[in-house]
Amino acid sequence: MQAGTVNTLSTILAMVTEIMYSGFIHRRLMSKEMTSKEKLLFITSFVWVMHWGVRVAFAAISTFELKFF
């Protein structure tokens, strides 16, 4: 094999190993059940972000419509 191919393969192997290891760490060592407060915070922040996302998208779409149609 050529030197470039070996470097590319070793880089890909290192990346795959890192992804698998970080996934293992997340699943085995850092997983926990969410408390009620965390669930409530997650739901309210999701709704808040969706609300602002819709407002920004509506403003962008209405501006686009006014300029081009």
C-alpha atoms as a PDB file:
ATOM      1  CA  MET A   1       0.000   0.000   0.000  1.00  0.00           C
ATOM      2  CA  GLN A   2       0.994   3.565  -0.436  1.00  0.00           C
ATOM      3  CA  ALA A   3       1.794   5.840   2.475  1.00  0.00           C
ATOM      4  CA  GLY A   4      -1.247   8.047   1.854  1.00  0.00           C
ATOM      5  CA  THR A   5      -3.602   5.064   1.960  1.00  0.00           C
ATOM      6  CA  VAL A   6      -2.167   3.843   5.257  1.00  0.00           C
ATOM      7  CA  ASN A   7      -2.515   7.294   6.817  1.00  0.00           C
ATOM      8  CA  THR A   8      -6.101   7.575   5.595  1.00  0.00           C
ATOM      9  CA  LEU A   9      -7.036   4.125   6.876  1.00  0.00           C
ATOM     10  CA  SER A  10      -5.429   4.744  10.265  1.00  0.00           C
ATOM     11  CA  THR A  11      -7.245   8.079  10.550  1.00  0.00           C
ATOM     12  CA  ILE A  12     -10.592   6.452   9.732  1.00  0.00           C
ATOM     13  CA  LEU A  13      -9.925   3.641  12.199  1.00  0.00           C
ATOM     14  CA  ALA A  14      -9.040   6.142  14.920  1.00  0.00           C
ATOM     15  CA  MET A  15     -12.220   8.134  14.269  1.00  0.00           C
ATOM     16  CA  VAL A  16     -14.434   5.038  14.361  1.00  0.00           C
ATOM     17  CA  THR A  17     -12.792   3.856  17.577  1.00  0.00           C
ATOM     18  CA  GLU A  18     -13.290   7.254  19.193  1.00  0.00           C
ATOM     19  CA  ILE A  19     -16.968   7.374  18.191  1.00  0.00           C
ATOM     20  CA  MET A  20     -17.600   3.867  19.502  1.00  0.00           C
ATOM     21  CA  TYR A  21     -15.772   4.589  22.777  1.00  0.00           C
ATOM     22  CA  SER A  22     -17.588   7.882  23.395  1.00  0.00           C
ATOM     23  CA  GLY A  23     -20.917   6.144  22.695  1.00  0.00           C
ATOM     24  CA  PHE A  24     -19.999   3.434  25.203  1.00  0.00           C
ATOM     25  CA  ILE A  25     -19.097   6.024  27.834  1.00  0.00           C
ATOM     26  CA  HIS A  26     -22.355   7.877  27.265  1.00  0.00           C
ATOM     27  CA  ARG A  27     -24.519   4.756  27.464  1.00  0.00           C
ATOM     28  CA  ARG A  28     -22.816   2.978  30.351  1.00  0.00           C
ATOM     29  CA  LEU A  29     -21.391   5.624  32.637  1.00  0.00           C
ATOM     30  CA  MET A  30     -23.398   8.787  32.096  1.00  0.00           C
ATOM     31  CA  SER A  31     -26.927   7.549  31.482  1.00  0.00           C
ATOM     32  CA  LYS A  32     -29.527   8.308  34.118  1.00  0.00           C
ATOM     33  CA  GLU A  33     -33.222   8.802  34.392  1.00  0.00           C
ATOM     34  CA  MET A  34     -34.452  12.362  34.192  1.00  0.00           C
ATOM     35  CA  THR A  35     -36.106  13.839  37.252  1.00  0.00           C
ATOM     36  CA  SER A  36     -39.460  15.588  37.040  1.00  0.00           C
ATOM     37  CA  LYS A  37     -37.813  19.024  37.118  1.00  0.00           C
ATOM     38  CA  GLU A  38     -35.467  18.064  34.268  1.00  0.00           C
ATOM     39  CA  LYS A  39     -38.376  16.756  32.210  1.00  0.00           C
ATOM     40  CA  LEU A  40     -40.360  19.935  32.815  1.00  0.00           C
ATOM     41  CA  LEU A  41     -37.360  22.094  31.917  1.00  0.00           C
ATOM     42  CA  PHE A  42     -36.781  20.088  28.739  1.00  0.00           C
ATOM     43  CA  ILE A  43     -40.413  20.335  27.620  1.00  0.00           C
ATOM     44  CA  THR A  44     -40.701  24.066  28.347  1.00  0.00           C
ATOM     45  CA  SER A  45     -37.405  24.876  26.619  1.00  0.00           C
ATOM     46  CA  PHE A  46     -38.467  22.804  23.607  1.00  0.00           C
ATOM     47  CA  VAL A  47     -41.780  24.655  23.370  1.00  0.00           C
ATOM     48  CA  TRP A  48     -39.997  28.012  23.770  1.00  0.00           C
ATOM     49  CA  VAL A  49     -37.491  27.211  21.008  1.00  0.00           C
ATOM     50  CA  MET A  50     -40.258  25.974  18.692  1.00  0.00           C
ATOM     51  CA  HIS A  51     -42.242  29.172  19.350  1.00  0.00           C
ATOM     52  CA  TRP A  52     -39.331  31.398  18.382  1.00  0.00           C
ATOM     53  CA  GLY A  53     -38.404  29.170  15.457  1.00  0.00           C
ATOM     54  CA  VAL A  54     -41.886  29.522  14.024  1.00  0.00           C
ATOM     55  CA  ARG A  55     -41.794  33.295  14.496  1.00  0.00           C
ATOM     56  CA  VAL A  56     -38.433  33.621  12.745  1.00  0.00           C
ATOM     57  CA  ALA A  57     -39.500  31.303   9.912  1.00  0.00           C
ATOM     58  CA  PHE A  58     -42.771  33.218   9.457  1.00  0.00           C
ATOM     59  CA  ALA A  59     -40.905  36.543   9.323  1.00  0.00           C
ATOM     60  CA  ALA A  60     -38.419  35.180   6.788  1.00  0.00           C
ATOM     61  CA  ILE A  61     -41.105  33.615   4.590  1.00  0.00           C
ATOM     62  CA  SER A  62     -43.336  36.698   4.652  1.00  0.00           C
ATOM     63  CA  THR A  63     -40.365  38.928   3.784  1.00  0.00           C
ATOM     64  CA  PHE A  64     -39.442  36.611   0.925  1.00  0.00           C
ATOM     65  CA  GLU A  65     -43.033  36.679  -0.346  1.00  0.00           C
ATOM     66  CA  LEU A  66     -43.221  40.466  -0.239  1.00  0.00           C
ATOM     67  CA  LYS A  67     -39.953  40.896  -2.138  1.00  0.00           C
ATOM     68  CA  PHE A  68     -40.445  38.356  -4.899  1.00  0.00           C
ATOM     69  CA  PHE A  69     -44.199  37.843  -5.349  1.00  0.00           C
END
